[in-house]
Every structure is written in structure tokens, then in C-alpha cells.
Protein backbone atom coordinates (compact mmCIF):
# COMPACT_ATOMS: atom_id res chain seq x y z
CA ALA A 1 0.00 0.00 0.00
CA HIS A 2 2.81 2.38 0.91
CA TYR A 3 4.59 1.94 -2.43
CA THR A 4 1.40 2.73 -4.32
CA GLY A 5 0.64 5.81 -2.24
CA ARG A 6 -2.65 4.45 -0.89
CA SER A 7 -3.97 3.49 2.49
CA LEU A 8 -3.97 -0.19 3.37
CA ALA A 9 -7.76 -0.35 3.17
CA THR A 10 -7.82 1.27 -0.28
CA PHE A 11 -5.04 -0.97 -1.53
CA LYS A 12 -6.83 -4.11 -0.36
CA ARG A 13 -10.11 -2.93 -1.89
CA ASP A 14 -8.40 -2.21 -5.24
CA PHE A 15 -6.49 -5.50 -5.10
CA LYS A 16 -9.74 -7.38 -4.57
CA LYS A 17 -10.98 -5.97 -7.89
CA VAL A 18 -8.18 -7.72 -9.81
CA SER A 19 -7.59 -10.88 -7.76
CA ALA A 20 -9.64 -13.36 -5.79
CA LEU A 21 -6.67 -13.72 -3.42
CA THR A 22 -5.65 -11.39 -0.63
CA PRO A 23 -2.36 -9.55 -1.23
CA GLU A 24 -0.63 -11.81 1.31
CA LYS A 25 -1.88 -15.02 -0.32
CA TRP A 26 -0.99 -13.66 -3.77
CA LEU A 27 2.59 -13.00 -2.63
CA ILE A 28 2.87 -16.47 -1.10
CA ARG A 29 1.56 -18.06 -4.29
CA LYS A 30 4.09 -16.14 -6.42
CA ALA A 31 6.92 -17.13 -4.06
CA LEU A 32 5.84 -20.77 -4.29
CA GLU A 33 5.85 -20.57 -8.09
CA VAL A 34 9.40 -19.17 -8.06
CA ALA A 35 10.49 -21.83 -5.56
CA TYR A 36 8.97 -24.58 -7.70
CA HIS A 37 10.84 -23.33 -10.76
CA LEU A 38 14.17 -23.04 -8.93
CA LEU A 39 13.84 -26.53 -7.46
CA LYS A 40 12.58 -28.30 -10.56
CA GLU A 41 14.32 -26.52 -13.41
CA GLU A 42 17.53 -25.30 -11.79
CA ARG A 43 17.89 -28.16 -9.27
CA ARG A 44 18.77 -25.74 -6.48
CA LYS A 45 19.15 -26.57 -2.78
CA VAL A 46 15.93 -26.33 -0.79
CA VAL A 47 17.46 -24.13 1.93
CA ASP A 48 18.89 -21.75 -0.67
CA VAL A 49 15.56 -21.49 -2.45
CA TYR A 50 13.75 -20.72 0.82
CA ALA A 51 16.11 -17.85 1.54
CA GLU A 52 15.99 -16.52 -2.01
CA VAL A 53 12.21 -16.33 -2.24
CA GLY A 54 11.94 -14.81 1.23
CA PHE A 55 10.56 -17.53 3.46
CA LYS A 56 11.77 -17.20 7.02
CA ASN A 57 10.59 -20.50 8.49
CA LEU A 58 9.64 -24.00 7.49
CA ARG A 59 5.88 -23.36 7.30
CA ILE A 60 6.57 -23.18 3.59
CA LEU A 61 6.95 -26.98 3.55
CA TYR A 62 3.25 -27.34 4.31
CA ALA A 63 2.22 -24.63 1.83
CA PHE A 64 4.40 -26.11 -0.93
CA LYS A 65 3.05 -29.62 -0.41
CA LYS A 66 -0.52 -28.34 -0.25
CA ARG A 67 -0.09 -26.40 -3.52
CA TYR A 68 1.87 -28.98 -5.55
CA GLY A 69 1.06 -32.29 -3.84
CA ILE A 70 4.70 -33.12 -3.15
CA PRO A 71 7.27 -31.85 -0.67
CA PRO A 72 9.91 -29.49 -2.05
CA THR A 73 12.63 -32.03 -1.28
CA ALA A 74 11.12 -34.31 -3.94
CA LEU A 75 12.10 -31.79 -6.63
CA ALA A 76 15.59 -30.96 -5.44
CA ALA A 77 18.53 -32.99 -6.67
CA PRO A 78 19.34 -35.78 -4.18
CA SER A 79 22.62 -34.16 -3.18
CA CYS A 80 20.99 -30.73 -2.83
CA ILE A 81 18.59 -31.37 0.03
């Protein structure tokens, strides 16, 4: 909201017009998409991917598995877990 020069309430109201997700859930979904790409296509280490996409704790394991049906470690190269 701050970066767009609007109040939080106005930002959320405008965001709702273009997305069915809340801003927080939209950001999490985008981070999960980036994480999925880095793990699957670039075979990066799980811990490195977490840090790069901005996750600060391991709750992401649950969110990743819920979104993609597999844990993130299943995509990483065996030596990169």
C-alpha cells in the first residue's frame, strides 16, 4: 500500500478488484511458483531457495506440499537437500 501511495484499506479494496486472493496469499503463491521453478528446473538446494524467495521459516513446507502435492525435497537434486 505504501509503495502505491494508498492506504492499506484502499489498496486491499483495489487489489480485490483484480484478484480473488488477498495480497498476502498472492505474494505467497508467487513465491511458491518461483520456488517450484528453482527446485525443478535449476535443481537448487531447498534451503537456498527458501532464503531466495523470502521464506523465514519451514511453514513453507506445508504450503508447498498443499499447492503442488509433493514436498519441495522431492524436486531438489538428491545431493541438494
